[in-house]
Full PDB file with SEQRES, HELIX, SHEET, SSBOND, CRYST1, ORIGX, SCALE, CONECT and MASTER records, all heavy atoms in Angstrom:
SEQRES   1 A   43  VAL ALA GLN PRO LEU GLY THR GLN VAL LEU LEU ARG ASN          
SEQRES   2 A   43  ARG GLN THR LEU LEU LEU ASP LEU LYS VAL PRO ALA ALA          
SEQRES   3 A   43  ARG ASP LEU VAL LEU ARG LEU VAL ASP ASP ALA ASP ALA          
SEQRES   4 A   43  LEU VAL GLU GLY                                              
HELIX    1 AA1 LEU A    5  THR A    7  5                                   3    
HELIX    2 AA2 VAL A    9  LEU A   11  5                                   3    
HELIX    3 AA3 PRO A   24  VAL A   34  1                                  11    
CRYST1    1.000    1.000    1.000  90.00  90.00  90.00 P 1           1          
ORIGX1      1.000000  0.000000  0.000000        0.00000                         
ORIGX2      0.000000  1.000000  0.000000        0.00000                         
ORIGX3      0.000000  0.000000  1.000000        0.00000                         
SCALE1      1.000000  0.000000  0.000000        0.00000                         
SCALE2      0.000000  1.000000  0.000000        0.00000                         
SCALE3      0.000000  0.000000  1.000000        0.00000                         
ATOM      1  N   VAL A   1       3.928   3.267 -18.580  1.00  0.00           N  
ATOM      2  CA  VAL A   1       3.613   4.574 -19.249  1.00  0.00           C  
ATOM      3  C   VAL A   1       2.982   5.498 -18.210  1.00  0.00           C  
ATOM      4  O   VAL A   1       2.063   5.037 -17.483  1.00  0.00           O  
ATOM      5  CB  VAL A   1       2.698   4.486 -20.372  1.00  0.00           C  
ATOM      6  CG1 VAL A   1       2.479   5.902 -21.110  1.00  0.00           C  
ATOM      7  CG2 VAL A   1       3.364   3.577 -21.513  1.00  0.00           C  
ATOM      8  N   ALA A   2       3.534   6.727 -17.988  1.00  0.00           N  
ATOM      9  CA  ALA A   2       2.992   7.663 -17.081  1.00  0.00           C  
ATOM     10  C   ALA A   2       1.507   8.031 -17.488  1.00  0.00           C  
ATOM     11  O   ALA A   2       1.251   8.231 -18.673  1.00  0.00           O  
ATOM     12  CB  ALA A   2       3.812   8.881 -17.094  1.00  0.00           C  
ATOM     13  N   GLN A   3       0.590   7.975 -16.433  1.00  0.00           N  
ATOM     14  CA  GLN A   3      -0.796   8.369 -16.658  1.00  0.00           C  
ATOM     15  C   GLN A   3      -1.337   9.221 -15.536  1.00  0.00           C  
ATOM     16  O   GLN A   3      -0.941   9.018 -14.415  1.00  0.00           O  
ATOM     17  CB  GLN A   3      -1.590   7.006 -16.718  1.00  0.00           C  
ATOM     18  CG  GLN A   3      -1.425   5.978 -17.778  1.00  0.00           C  
ATOM     19  CD  GLN A   3      -2.264   4.808 -17.675  1.00  0.00           C  
ATOM     20  OE1 GLN A   3      -1.670   3.694 -17.639  1.00  0.00           O  
ATOM     21  NE2 GLN A   3      -3.595   4.975 -17.434  1.00  0.00           N  
ATOM     22  N   PRO A   4      -2.267  10.113 -15.900  1.00  0.00           N  
ATOM     23  CA  PRO A   4      -2.906  10.816 -14.843  1.00  0.00           C  
ATOM     24  C   PRO A   4      -3.609   9.786 -13.877  1.00  0.00           C  
ATOM     25  O   PRO A   4      -4.063   8.717 -14.336  1.00  0.00           O  
ATOM     26  CB  PRO A   4      -4.019  11.669 -15.552  1.00  0.00           C  
ATOM     27  CG  PRO A   4      -3.416  11.778 -16.973  1.00  0.00           C  
ATOM     28  CD  PRO A   4      -2.718  10.500 -17.236  1.00  0.00           C  
ATOM     29  N   LEU A   5      -3.701  10.174 -12.610  1.00  0.00           N  
ATOM     30  CA  LEU A   5      -4.266   9.209 -11.642  1.00  0.00           C  
ATOM     31  C   LEU A   5      -5.662   8.720 -11.934  1.00  0.00           C  
ATOM     32  O   LEU A   5      -5.935   7.516 -11.805  1.00  0.00           O  
ATOM     33  CB  LEU A   5      -4.185   9.887 -10.280  1.00  0.00           C  
ATOM     34  CG  LEU A   5      -4.807   8.983  -9.106  1.00  0.00           C  
ATOM     35  CD1 LEU A   5      -3.929   7.749  -8.909  1.00  0.00           C  
ATOM     36  CD2 LEU A   5      -4.891   9.878  -7.809  1.00  0.00           C  
ATOM     37  N   GLY A   6      -6.440   9.541 -12.491  1.00  0.00           N  
ATOM     38  CA  GLY A   6      -7.851   9.277 -12.659  1.00  0.00           C  
ATOM     39  C   GLY A   6      -7.951   8.159 -13.766  1.00  0.00           C  
ATOM     40  O   GLY A   6      -9.053   7.488 -13.847  1.00  0.00           O  
ATOM     41  N   THR A   7      -6.981   8.006 -14.609  1.00  0.00           N  
ATOM     42  CA  THR A   7      -7.055   7.032 -15.765  1.00  0.00           C  
ATOM     43  C   THR A   7      -6.464   5.668 -15.387  1.00  0.00           C  
ATOM     44  O   THR A   7      -6.432   4.756 -16.152  1.00  0.00           O  
ATOM     45  CB  THR A   7      -6.377   7.572 -16.942  1.00  0.00           C  
ATOM     46  OG1 THR A   7      -4.909   7.691 -16.725  1.00  0.00           O  
ATOM     47  CG2 THR A   7      -6.795   8.931 -17.363  1.00  0.00           C  
ATOM     48  N   GLN A   8      -5.867   5.626 -14.173  1.00  0.00           N  
ATOM     49  CA  GLN A   8      -5.254   4.352 -13.694  1.00  0.00           C  
ATOM     50  C   GLN A   8      -6.353   3.496 -13.080  1.00  0.00           C  
ATOM     51  O   GLN A   8      -6.418   3.381 -11.912  1.00  0.00           O  
ATOM     52  CB  GLN A   8      -4.177   4.610 -12.700  1.00  0.00           C  
ATOM     53  CG  GLN A   8      -2.980   5.486 -13.377  1.00  0.00           C  
ATOM     54  CD  GLN A   8      -1.807   5.653 -12.414  1.00  0.00           C  
ATOM     55  OE1 GLN A   8      -1.426   4.799 -11.688  1.00  0.00           O  
ATOM     56  NE2 GLN A   8      -1.424   6.921 -12.263  1.00  0.00           N  
ATOM     57  N   VAL A   9      -7.087   2.839 -13.937  1.00  0.00           N  
ATOM     58  CA  VAL A   9      -8.260   2.152 -13.517  1.00  0.00           C  
ATOM     59  C   VAL A   9      -8.021   0.997 -12.561  1.00  0.00           C  
ATOM     60  O   VAL A   9      -8.823   0.728 -11.594  1.00  0.00           O  
ATOM     61  CB  VAL A   9      -9.083   1.520 -14.785  1.00  0.00           C  
ATOM     62  CG1 VAL A   9     -10.316   0.668 -14.411  1.00  0.00           C  
ATOM     63  CG2 VAL A   9      -9.563   2.569 -15.738  1.00  0.00           C  
ATOM     64  N   LEU A  10      -6.914   0.432 -12.655  1.00  0.00           N  
ATOM     65  CA  LEU A  10      -6.458  -0.674 -11.724  1.00  0.00           C  
ATOM     66  C   LEU A  10      -6.454  -0.229 -10.298  1.00  0.00           C  
ATOM     67  O   LEU A  10      -6.427  -1.028  -9.408  1.00  0.00           O  
ATOM     68  CB  LEU A  10      -5.223  -1.366 -12.081  1.00  0.00           C  
ATOM     69  CG  LEU A  10      -5.132  -2.095 -13.423  1.00  0.00           C  
ATOM     70  CD1 LEU A  10      -3.797  -2.735 -13.681  1.00  0.00           C  
ATOM     71  CD2 LEU A  10      -6.243  -3.177 -13.496  1.00  0.00           C  
ATOM     72  N   LEU A  11      -6.303   1.048 -10.082  1.00  0.00           N  
ATOM     73  CA  LEU A  11      -6.160   1.576  -8.652  1.00  0.00           C  
ATOM     74  C   LEU A  11      -7.502   2.021  -8.050  1.00  0.00           C  
ATOM     75  O   LEU A  11      -7.467   2.561  -6.961  1.00  0.00           O  
ATOM     76  CB  LEU A  11      -5.188   2.723  -8.703  1.00  0.00           C  
ATOM     77  CG  LEU A  11      -3.860   2.498  -9.226  1.00  0.00           C  
ATOM     78  CD1 LEU A  11      -2.872   3.620  -9.006  1.00  0.00           C  
ATOM     79  CD2 LEU A  11      -3.214   1.296  -8.688  1.00  0.00           C  
ATOM     80  N   ARG A  12      -8.587   1.800  -8.660  1.00  0.00           N  
ATOM     81  CA  ARG A  12      -9.815   2.237  -8.136  1.00  0.00           C  
ATOM     82  C   ARG A  12     -10.256   1.550  -6.851  1.00  0.00           C  
ATOM     83  O   ARG A  12      -9.740   0.453  -6.644  1.00  0.00           O  
ATOM     84  CB  ARG A  12     -11.026   2.099  -9.232  1.00  0.00           C  
ATOM     85  CG  ARG A  12     -11.426   0.735  -9.463  1.00  0.00           C  
ATOM     86  CD  ARG A  12     -12.403   0.589 -10.701  1.00  0.00           C  
ATOM     87  NE  ARG A  12     -13.008  -0.692 -10.887  1.00  0.00           N  
ATOM     88  CZ  ARG A  12     -13.678  -1.085 -11.939  1.00  0.00           C  
ATOM     89  NH1 ARG A  12     -13.821  -0.170 -12.961  1.00  0.00           N  
ATOM     90  NH2 ARG A  12     -14.131  -2.239 -12.045  1.00  0.00           N  
ATOM     91  N   ASN A  13     -11.153   2.093  -6.198  1.00  0.00           N  
ATOM     92  CA  ASN A  13     -11.837   1.465  -5.062  1.00  0.00           C  
ATOM     93  C   ASN A  13     -10.866   1.266  -3.801  1.00  0.00           C  
ATOM     94  O   ASN A  13     -11.245   0.422  -2.937  1.00  0.00           O  
ATOM     95  CB  ASN A  13     -12.435   0.183  -5.455  1.00  0.00           C  
ATOM     96  CG  ASN A  13     -13.942   0.306  -5.839  1.00  0.00           C  
ATOM     97  OD1 ASN A  13     -14.525   1.281  -5.495  1.00  0.00           O  
ATOM     98  ND2 ASN A  13     -14.341  -0.795  -6.523  1.00  0.00           N  
ATOM     99  N   ARG A  14      -9.749   2.004  -3.653  1.00  0.00           N  
ATOM    100  CA  ARG A  14      -9.018   1.902  -2.452  1.00  0.00           C  
ATOM    101  C   ARG A  14      -8.301   3.131  -2.113  1.00  0.00           C  
ATOM    102  O   ARG A  14      -8.051   3.916  -3.069  1.00  0.00           O  
ATOM    103  CB  ARG A  14      -8.147   0.648  -2.507  1.00  0.00           C  
ATOM    104  CG  ARG A  14      -7.240   0.511  -3.756  1.00  0.00           C  
ATOM    105  CD  ARG A  14      -6.851  -0.919  -3.972  1.00  0.00           C  
ATOM    106  NE  ARG A  14      -5.865  -1.105  -4.935  1.00  0.00           N  
ATOM    107  CZ  ARG A  14      -6.041  -1.294  -6.242  1.00  0.00           C  
ATOM    108  NH1 ARG A  14      -7.318  -1.100  -6.715  1.00  0.00           N  
ATOM    109  NH2 ARG A  14      -5.015  -1.530  -7.082  1.00  0.00           N  
ATOM    110  N   GLN A  15      -7.766   3.120  -0.896  1.00  0.00           N  
ATOM    111  CA  GLN A  15      -6.999   4.264  -0.483  1.00  0.00           C  
ATOM    112  C   GLN A  15      -5.526   3.885  -0.486  1.00  0.00           C  
ATOM    113  O   GLN A  15      -5.164   2.640  -0.411  1.00  0.00           O  
ATOM    114  CB  GLN A  15      -7.364   4.662   0.983  1.00  0.00           C  
ATOM    115  CG  GLN A  15      -8.827   5.168   1.130  1.00  0.00           C  
ATOM    116  CD  GLN A  15      -9.063   6.532   0.491  1.00  0.00           C  
ATOM    117  OE1 GLN A  15      -8.078   7.262   0.205  1.00  0.00           O  
ATOM    118  NE2 GLN A  15     -10.272   6.902   0.258  1.00  0.00           N  
ATOM    119  N   THR A  16      -4.665   4.937  -0.598  1.00  0.00           N  
ATOM    120  CA  THR A  16      -3.171   4.597  -0.643  1.00  0.00           C  
ATOM    121  C   THR A  16      -2.456   5.382   0.437  1.00  0.00           C  
ATOM    122  O   THR A  16      -2.704   6.481   0.783  1.00  0.00           O  
ATOM    123  CB  THR A  16      -2.574   5.116  -1.922  1.00  0.00           C  
ATOM    124  OG1 THR A  16      -3.259   4.448  -3.010  1.00  0.00           O  
ATOM    125  CG2 THR A  16      -1.138   5.006  -2.156  1.00  0.00           C  
ATOM    126  N   LEU A  17      -1.583   4.588   1.035  1.00  0.00           N  
ATOM    127  CA  LEU A  17      -0.692   5.143   2.166  1.00  0.00           C  
ATOM    128  C   LEU A  17       0.782   5.136   1.751  1.00  0.00           C  
ATOM    129  O   LEU A  17       1.236   4.079   1.186  1.00  0.00           O  
ATOM    130  CB  LEU A  17      -0.890   4.181   3.397  1.00  0.00           C  
ATOM    131  CG  LEU A  17      -0.014   4.569   4.628  1.00  0.00           C  
ATOM    132  CD1 LEU A  17      -0.352   5.881   5.198  1.00  0.00           C  
ATOM    133  CD2 LEU A  17      -0.033   3.365   5.646  1.00  0.00           C  
ATOM    134  N   LEU A  18       1.415   6.199   1.869  1.00  0.00           N  
ATOM    135  CA  LEU A  18       2.838   6.303   1.431  1.00  0.00           C  
ATOM    136  C   LEU A  18       3.652   5.979   2.618  1.00  0.00           C  
ATOM    137  O   LEU A  18       3.661   6.630   3.629  1.00  0.00           O  
ATOM    138  CB  LEU A  18       3.122   7.640   0.866  1.00  0.00           C  
ATOM    139  CG  LEU A  18       2.342   8.181  -0.368  1.00  0.00           C  
ATOM    140  CD1 LEU A  18       2.817   9.472  -0.777  1.00  0.00           C  
ATOM    141  CD2 LEU A  18       2.435   7.180  -1.493  1.00  0.00           C  
ATOM    142  N   LEU A  19       4.580   4.932   2.389  1.00  0.00           N  
ATOM    143  CA  LEU A  19       5.550   4.624   3.494  1.00  0.00           C  
ATOM    144  C   LEU A  19       6.910   4.190   2.879  1.00  0.00           C  
ATOM    145  O   LEU A  19       6.963   3.617   1.850  1.00  0.00           O  
ATOM    146  CB  LEU A  19       5.056   3.280   4.207  1.00  0.00           C  
ATOM    147  CG  LEU A  19       3.825   3.481   5.193  1.00  0.00           C  
ATOM    148  CD1 LEU A  19       3.473   2.081   5.828  1.00  0.00           C  
ATOM    149  CD2 LEU A  19       4.043   4.431   6.245  1.00  0.00           C  
ATOM    150  N   ASP A  20       7.918   4.572   3.542  1.00  0.00           N  
ATOM    151  CA  ASP A  20       9.307   4.240   3.158  1.00  0.00           C  
ATOM    152  C   ASP A  20       9.643   2.953   3.865  1.00  0.00           C  
ATOM    153  O   ASP A  20       9.939   3.064   5.116  1.00  0.00           O  
ATOM    154  CB  ASP A  20      10.304   5.397   3.459  1.00  0.00           C  
ATOM    155  CG  ASP A  20      11.662   5.034   3.039  1.00  0.00           C  
ATOM    156  OD1 ASP A  20      11.879   3.798   2.519  1.00  0.00           O  
ATOM    157  OD2 ASP A  20      12.590   5.877   3.104  1.00  0.00           O  
ATOM    158  N   LEU A  21       9.441   1.755   3.276  1.00  0.00           N  
ATOM    159  CA  LEU A  21       9.654   0.493   3.994  1.00  0.00           C  
ATOM    160  C   LEU A  21      10.979   0.282   4.304  1.00  0.00           C  
ATOM    161  O   LEU A  21      11.212  -0.770   5.093  1.00  0.00           O  
ATOM    162  CB  LEU A  21       9.023  -0.643   3.041  1.00  0.00           C  
ATOM    163  CG  LEU A  21       7.449  -0.455   2.791  1.00  0.00           C  
ATOM    164  CD1 LEU A  21       7.020  -1.613   1.996  1.00  0.00           C  
ATOM    165  CD2 LEU A  21       6.715  -0.407   4.108  1.00  0.00           C  
ATOM    166  N   LYS A  22      11.993   1.059   4.055  1.00  0.00           N  
ATOM    167  CA  LYS A  22      13.380   0.832   4.381  1.00  0.00           C  
ATOM    168  C   LYS A  22      13.588   1.448   5.810  1.00  0.00           C  
ATOM    169  O   LYS A  22      14.521   1.238   6.503  1.00  0.00           O  
ATOM    170  CB  LYS A  22      14.361   1.464   3.452  1.00  0.00           C  
ATOM    171  CG  LYS A  22      14.318   0.694   2.078  1.00  0.00           C  
ATOM    172  CD  LYS A  22      15.288   1.426   1.136  1.00  0.00           C  
ATOM    173  CE  LYS A  22      15.282   0.623  -0.251  1.00  0.00           C  
ATOM    174  NZ  LYS A  22      16.330   1.250  -1.114  1.00  0.00           N  
ATOM    175  N   VAL A  23      12.562   2.222   6.209  1.00  0.00           N  
ATOM    176  CA  VAL A  23      12.603   2.794   7.666  1.00  0.00           C  
ATOM    177  C   VAL A  23      11.923   1.865   8.658  1.00  0.00           C  
ATOM    178  O   VAL A  23      10.824   1.363   8.348  1.00  0.00           O  
ATOM    179  CB  VAL A  23      11.875   4.228   7.660  1.00  0.00           C  
ATOM    180  CG1 VAL A  23      11.778   4.685   9.088  1.00  0.00           C  
ATOM    181  CG2 VAL A  23      12.524   5.149   6.708  1.00  0.00           C  
ATOM    182  N   PRO A  24      12.670   1.428   9.666  1.00  0.00           N  
ATOM    183  CA  PRO A  24      12.078   0.440  10.617  1.00  0.00           C  
ATOM    184  C   PRO A  24      10.831   0.779  11.143  1.00  0.00           C  
ATOM    185  O   PRO A  24       9.911  -0.095  11.374  1.00  0.00           O  
ATOM    186  CB  PRO A  24      13.172   0.508  11.751  1.00  0.00           C  
ATOM    187  CG  PRO A  24      14.472   0.828  11.070  1.00  0.00           C  
ATOM    188  CD  PRO A  24      14.069   1.831  10.065  1.00  0.00           C  
ATOM    189  N   ALA A  25      10.540   2.100  11.479  1.00  0.00           N  
ATOM    190  CA  ALA A  25       9.211   2.395  12.029  1.00  0.00           C  
ATOM    191  C   ALA A  25       8.116   2.192  10.951  1.00  0.00           C  
ATOM    192  O   ALA A  25       6.930   1.773  11.304  1.00  0.00           O  
ATOM    193  CB  ALA A  25       9.165   3.852  12.431  1.00  0.00           C  
ATOM    194  N   ALA A  26       8.336   2.406   9.750  1.00  0.00           N  
ATOM    195  CA  ALA A  26       7.452   2.076   8.681  1.00  0.00           C  
ATOM    196  C   ALA A  26       7.191   0.625   8.460  1.00  0.00           C  
ATOM    197  O   ALA A  26       6.046   0.244   8.299  1.00  0.00           O  
ATOM    198  CB  ALA A  26       7.916   2.677   7.336  1.00  0.00           C  
ATOM    199  N   ARG A  27       8.246  -0.172   8.619  1.00  0.00           N  
ATOM    200  CA  ARG A  27       8.037  -1.633   8.553  1.00  0.00           C  
ATOM    201  C   ARG A  27       7.213  -2.100   9.758  1.00  0.00           C  
ATOM    202  O   ARG A  27       6.328  -2.974   9.589  1.00  0.00           O  
ATOM    203  CB  ARG A  27       9.373  -2.240   8.561  1.00  0.00           C  
ATOM    204  CG  ARG A  27       9.422  -3.791   8.650  1.00  0.00           C  
ATOM    205  CD  ARG A  27      10.664  -4.298   9.252  1.00  0.00           C  
ATOM    206  NE  ARG A  27      10.900  -3.821  10.550  1.00  0.00           N  
ATOM    207  CZ  ARG A  27      12.060  -3.703  11.131  1.00  0.00           C  
ATOM    208  NH1 ARG A  27      13.213  -3.959  10.562  1.00  0.00           N  
ATOM    209  NH2 ARG A  27      12.116  -3.340  12.475  1.00  0.00           N  
ATOM    210  N   ASP A  28       7.477  -1.500  10.865  1.00  0.00           N  
ATOM    211  CA  ASP A  28       6.661  -1.884  12.012  1.00  0.00           C  
ATOM    212  C   ASP A  28       5.253  -1.642  11.930  1.00  0.00           C  
ATOM    213  O   ASP A  28       4.381  -2.332  12.391  1.00  0.00           O  
ATOM    214  CB  ASP A  28       7.268  -1.213  13.321  1.00  0.00           C  
ATOM    215  CG  ASP A  28       8.680  -1.714  13.637  1.00  0.00           C  
ATOM    216  OD1 ASP A  28       9.134  -2.743  13.148  1.00  0.00           O  
ATOM    217  OD2 ASP A  28       9.374  -0.994  14.443  1.00  0.00           O  
ATOM    218  N   LEU A  29       4.918  -0.473  11.274  1.00  0.00           N  
ATOM    219  CA  LEU A  29       3.616  -0.094  10.981  1.00  0.00           C  
ATOM    220  C   LEU A  29       2.799  -1.104  10.162  1.00  0.00           C  
ATOM    221  O   LEU A  29       1.728  -1.448  10.386  1.00  0.00           O  
ATOM    222  CB  LEU A  29       3.445   1.240  10.401  1.00  0.00           C  
ATOM    223  CG  LEU A  29       2.072   1.747   9.883  1.00  0.00           C  
ATOM    224  CD1 LEU A  29       1.065   1.699  11.095  1.00  0.00           C  
ATOM    225  CD2 LEU A  29       2.099   3.120   9.435  1.00  0.00           C  
ATOM    226  N   VAL A  30       3.626  -1.547   9.023  1.00  0.00           N  
ATOM    227  CA  VAL A  30       2.907  -2.589   8.251  1.00  0.00           C  
ATOM    228  C   VAL A  30       2.688  -3.871   8.982  1.00  0.00           C  
ATOM    229  O   VAL A  30       1.631  -4.376   8.859  1.00  0.00           O  
ATOM    230  CB  VAL A  30       3.939  -2.866   6.983  1.00  0.00           C  
ATOM    231  CG1 VAL A  30       3.361  -4.183   6.207  1.00  0.00           C  
ATOM    232  CG2 VAL A  30       4.153  -1.668   6.073  1.00  0.00           C  
ATOM    233  N   LEU A  31       3.637  -4.354   9.832  1.00  0.00           N  
ATOM    234  CA  LEU A  31       3.502  -5.500  10.641  1.00  0.00           C  
ATOM    235  C   LEU A  31       2.246  -5.254  11.582  1.00  0.00           C  
ATOM    236  O   LEU A  31       1.457  -6.245  11.845  1.00  0.00           O  
ATOM    237  CB  LEU A  31       4.653  -5.777  11.457  1.00  0.00           C  
ATOM    238  CG  LEU A  31       5.872  -6.196  10.584  1.00  0.00           C  
ATOM    239  CD1 LEU A  31       7.119  -6.483  11.461  1.00  0.00           C  
ATOM    240  CD2 LEU A  31       5.526  -7.511   9.861  1.00  0.00           C  
ATOM    241  N   ARG A  32       2.056  -4.056  12.170  1.00  0.00           N  
ATOM    242  CA  ARG A  32       0.902  -3.838  12.959  1.00  0.00           C  
ATOM    243  C   ARG A  32      -0.321  -3.925  12.148  1.00  0.00           C  
ATOM    244  O   ARG A  32      -1.393  -4.462  12.729  1.00  0.00           O  
ATOM    245  CB  ARG A  32       1.073  -2.480  13.636  1.00  0.00           C  
ATOM    246  CG  ARG A  32      -0.063  -1.988  14.623  1.00  0.00           C  
ATOM    247  CD  ARG A  32       0.060  -0.747  15.295  1.00  0.00           C  
ATOM    248  NE  ARG A  32      -1.041  -0.293  15.969  1.00  0.00           N  
ATOM    249  CZ  ARG A  32      -1.227   0.840  16.496  1.00  0.00           C  
ATOM    250  NH1 ARG A  32      -0.254   1.806  16.367  1.00  0.00           N  
ATOM    251  NH2 ARG A  32      -2.265   1.157  17.226  1.00  0.00           N  
ATOM    252  N   LEU A  33      -0.398  -3.403  11.012  1.00  0.00           N  
ATOM    253  CA  LEU A  33      -1.535  -3.569  10.108  1.00  0.00           C  
ATOM    254  C   LEU A  33      -1.882  -4.942   9.675  1.00  0.00           C  
ATOM    255  O   LEU A  33      -2.996  -5.353   9.661  1.00  0.00           O  
ATOM    256  CB  LEU A  33      -1.373  -2.717   8.845  1.00  0.00           C  
ATOM    257  CG  LEU A  33      -1.295  -1.216   9.031  1.00  0.00           C  
ATOM    258  CD1 LEU A  33      -0.860  -0.556   7.782  1.00  0.00           C  
ATOM    259  CD2 LEU A  33      -2.561  -0.651   9.499  1.00  0.00           C  
ATOM    260  N   VAL A  34      -0.780  -5.826   9.609  1.00  0.00           N  
ATOM    261  CA  VAL A  34      -1.043  -7.177   9.214  1.00  0.00           C  
ATOM    262  C   VAL A  34      -1.790  -7.920  10.432  1.00  0.00           C  
ATOM    263  O   VAL A  34      -2.569  -8.830  10.105  1.00  0.00           O  
ATOM    264  CB  VAL A  34       0.412  -7.892   9.122  1.00  0.00           C  
ATOM    265  CG1 VAL A  34       0.299  -9.369   9.253  1.00  0.00           C  
ATOM    266  CG2 VAL A  34       1.011  -7.527   7.708  1.00  0.00           C  
ATOM    267  N   ASP A  35      -1.698  -7.337  11.616  1.00  0.00           N  
ATOM    268  CA  ASP A  35      -2.462  -8.054  12.694  1.00  0.00           C  
ATOM    269  C   ASP A  35      -3.896  -8.182  12.457  1.00  0.00           C  
ATOM    270  O   ASP A  35      -4.549  -9.219  12.918  1.00  0.00           O  
ATOM    271  CB  ASP A  35      -2.138  -7.312  14.044  1.00  0.00           C  
ATOM    272  CG  ASP A  35      -0.639  -7.306  14.543  1.00  0.00           C  
ATOM    273  OD1 ASP A  35       0.049  -8.156  14.089  1.00  0.00           O  
ATOM    274  OD2 ASP A  35      -0.399  -6.494  15.372  1.00  0.00           O  
ATOM    275  N   ASP A  36      -4.440  -7.264  11.709  1.00  0.00           N  
ATOM    276  CA  ASP A  36      -5.880  -7.181  11.563  1.00  0.00           C  
ATOM    277  C   ASP A  36      -6.243  -7.482  10.081  1.00  0.00           C  
ATOM    278  O   ASP A  36      -7.490  -7.187   9.659  1.00  0.00           O  
ATOM    279  CB  ASP A  36      -6.462  -5.882  11.903  1.00  0.00           C  
ATOM    280  CG  ASP A  36      -6.274  -5.556  13.405  1.00  0.00           C  
ATOM    281  OD1 ASP A  36      -6.566  -6.623  14.294  1.00  0.00           O  
ATOM    282  OD2 ASP A  36      -5.916  -4.478  13.773  1.00  0.00           O  
ATOM    283  N   ALA A  37      -5.371  -7.995   9.326  1.00  0.00           N  
ATOM    284  CA  ALA A  37      -5.680  -8.270   7.814  1.00  0.00           C  
ATOM    285  C   ALA A  37      -5.981  -9.660   7.609  1.00  0.00           C  
ATOM    286  O   ALA A  37      -5.442 -10.602   8.268  1.00  0.00           O  
ATOM    287  CB  ALA A  37      -4.432  -7.809   6.999  1.00  0.00           C  
ATOM    288  N   ASP A  38      -6.862  -9.937   6.584  1.00  0.00           N  
ATOM    289  CA  ASP A  38      -7.048 -11.278   6.137  1.00  0.00           C  
ATOM    290  C   ASP A  38      -6.014 -11.708   5.131  1.00  0.00           C  
ATOM    291  O   ASP A  38      -5.676 -12.894   5.108  1.00  0.00           O  
ATOM    292  CB  ASP A  38      -8.478 -11.338   5.405  1.00  0.00           C  
ATOM    293  CG  ASP A  38      -9.640 -11.155   6.437  1.00  0.00           C  
ATOM    294  OD1 ASP A  38      -9.873 -11.924   7.309  1.00  0.00           O  
ATOM    295  OD2 ASP A  38     -10.200 -10.093   6.337  1.00  0.00           O  
ATOM    296  N   ALA A  39      -5.468 -10.788   4.351  1.00  0.00           N  
ATOM    297  CA  ALA A  39      -4.587 -11.145   3.391  1.00  0.00           C  
ATOM    298  C   ALA A  39      -3.621 -10.033   3.083  1.00  0.00           C  
ATOM    299  O   ALA A  39      -3.964  -8.814   3.262  1.00  0.00           O  
ATOM    300  CB  ALA A  39      -5.332 -11.561   2.093  1.00  0.00           C  
ATOM    301  N   LEU A  40      -2.425 -10.304   2.551  1.00  0.00           N  
ATOM    302  CA  LEU A  40      -1.569  -9.427   2.071  1.00  0.00           C  
ATOM    303  C   LEU A  40      -1.162  -9.870   0.613  1.00  0.00           C  
ATOM    304  O   LEU A  40      -0.898 -11.003   0.425  1.00  0.00           O  
ATOM    305  CB  LEU A  40      -0.265  -9.228   2.940  1.00  0.00           C  
ATOM    306  CG  LEU A  40       0.940  -8.349   2.501  1.00  0.00           C  
ATOM    307  CD1 LEU A  40       1.632  -7.708   3.646  1.00  0.00           C  
ATOM    308  CD2 LEU A  40       1.853  -9.022   1.531  1.00  0.00           C  
ATOM    309  N   VAL A  41      -1.074  -8.862  -0.396  1.00  0.00           N  
ATOM    310  CA  VAL A  41      -0.706  -9.366  -1.741  1.00  0.00           C  
ATOM    311  C   VAL A  41       0.482  -8.451  -2.152  1.00  0.00           C  
ATOM    312  O   VAL A  41       0.458  -7.213  -1.891  1.00  0.00           O  
ATOM    313  CB  VAL A  41      -1.846  -9.214  -2.642  1.00  0.00           C  
ATOM    314  CG1 VAL A  41      -3.031 -10.123  -2.283  1.00  0.00           C  
ATOM    315  CG2 VAL A  41      -2.397  -7.733  -2.833  1.00  0.00           C  
ATOM    316  N   GLU A  42       1.331  -9.081  -2.865  1.00  0.00           N  
ATOM    317  CA  GLU A  42       2.584  -8.483  -3.284  1.00  0.00           C  
ATOM    318  C   GLU A  42       3.054  -9.000  -4.655  1.00  0.00           C  
ATOM    319  O   GLU A  42       2.857 -10.181  -4.918  1.00  0.00           O  
ATOM    320  CB  GLU A  42       3.614  -8.362  -2.318  1.00  0.00           C  
ATOM    321  CG  GLU A  42       4.210  -9.652  -1.773  1.00  0.00           C  
ATOM    322  CD  GLU A  42       5.404 -10.162  -2.540  1.00  0.00           C  
ATOM    323  OE1 GLU A  42       5.885  -9.495  -3.457  1.00  0.00           O  
ATOM    324  OE2 GLU A  42       5.910 -11.276  -2.127  1.00  0.00           O  
ATOM    325  N   GLY A  43       3.761  -8.257  -5.383  1.00  0.00           N  
ATOM    326  CA  GLY A  43       4.160  -8.667  -6.723  1.00  0.00           C  
ATOM    327  C   GLY A  43       5.659  -8.437  -7.033  1.00  0.00           C  
ATOM    328  O   GLY A  43       5.993  -8.164  -8.177  1.00  0.00           O  
TER     329      GLY A  43                                                      
MASTER        0    0    0    3    0    0    0    6  328    1    0    4          
END                                                                             
């Protein structure tokens, strides 16, 4: 269900980066970020 951003409680406490992961350069950026990450989570 569409909700205003402020009511999406599950999204609190973090920043969002918009990337088109079908673009190779965006995929490469994610892999670069992975270098310094402890974990990646996906669903």
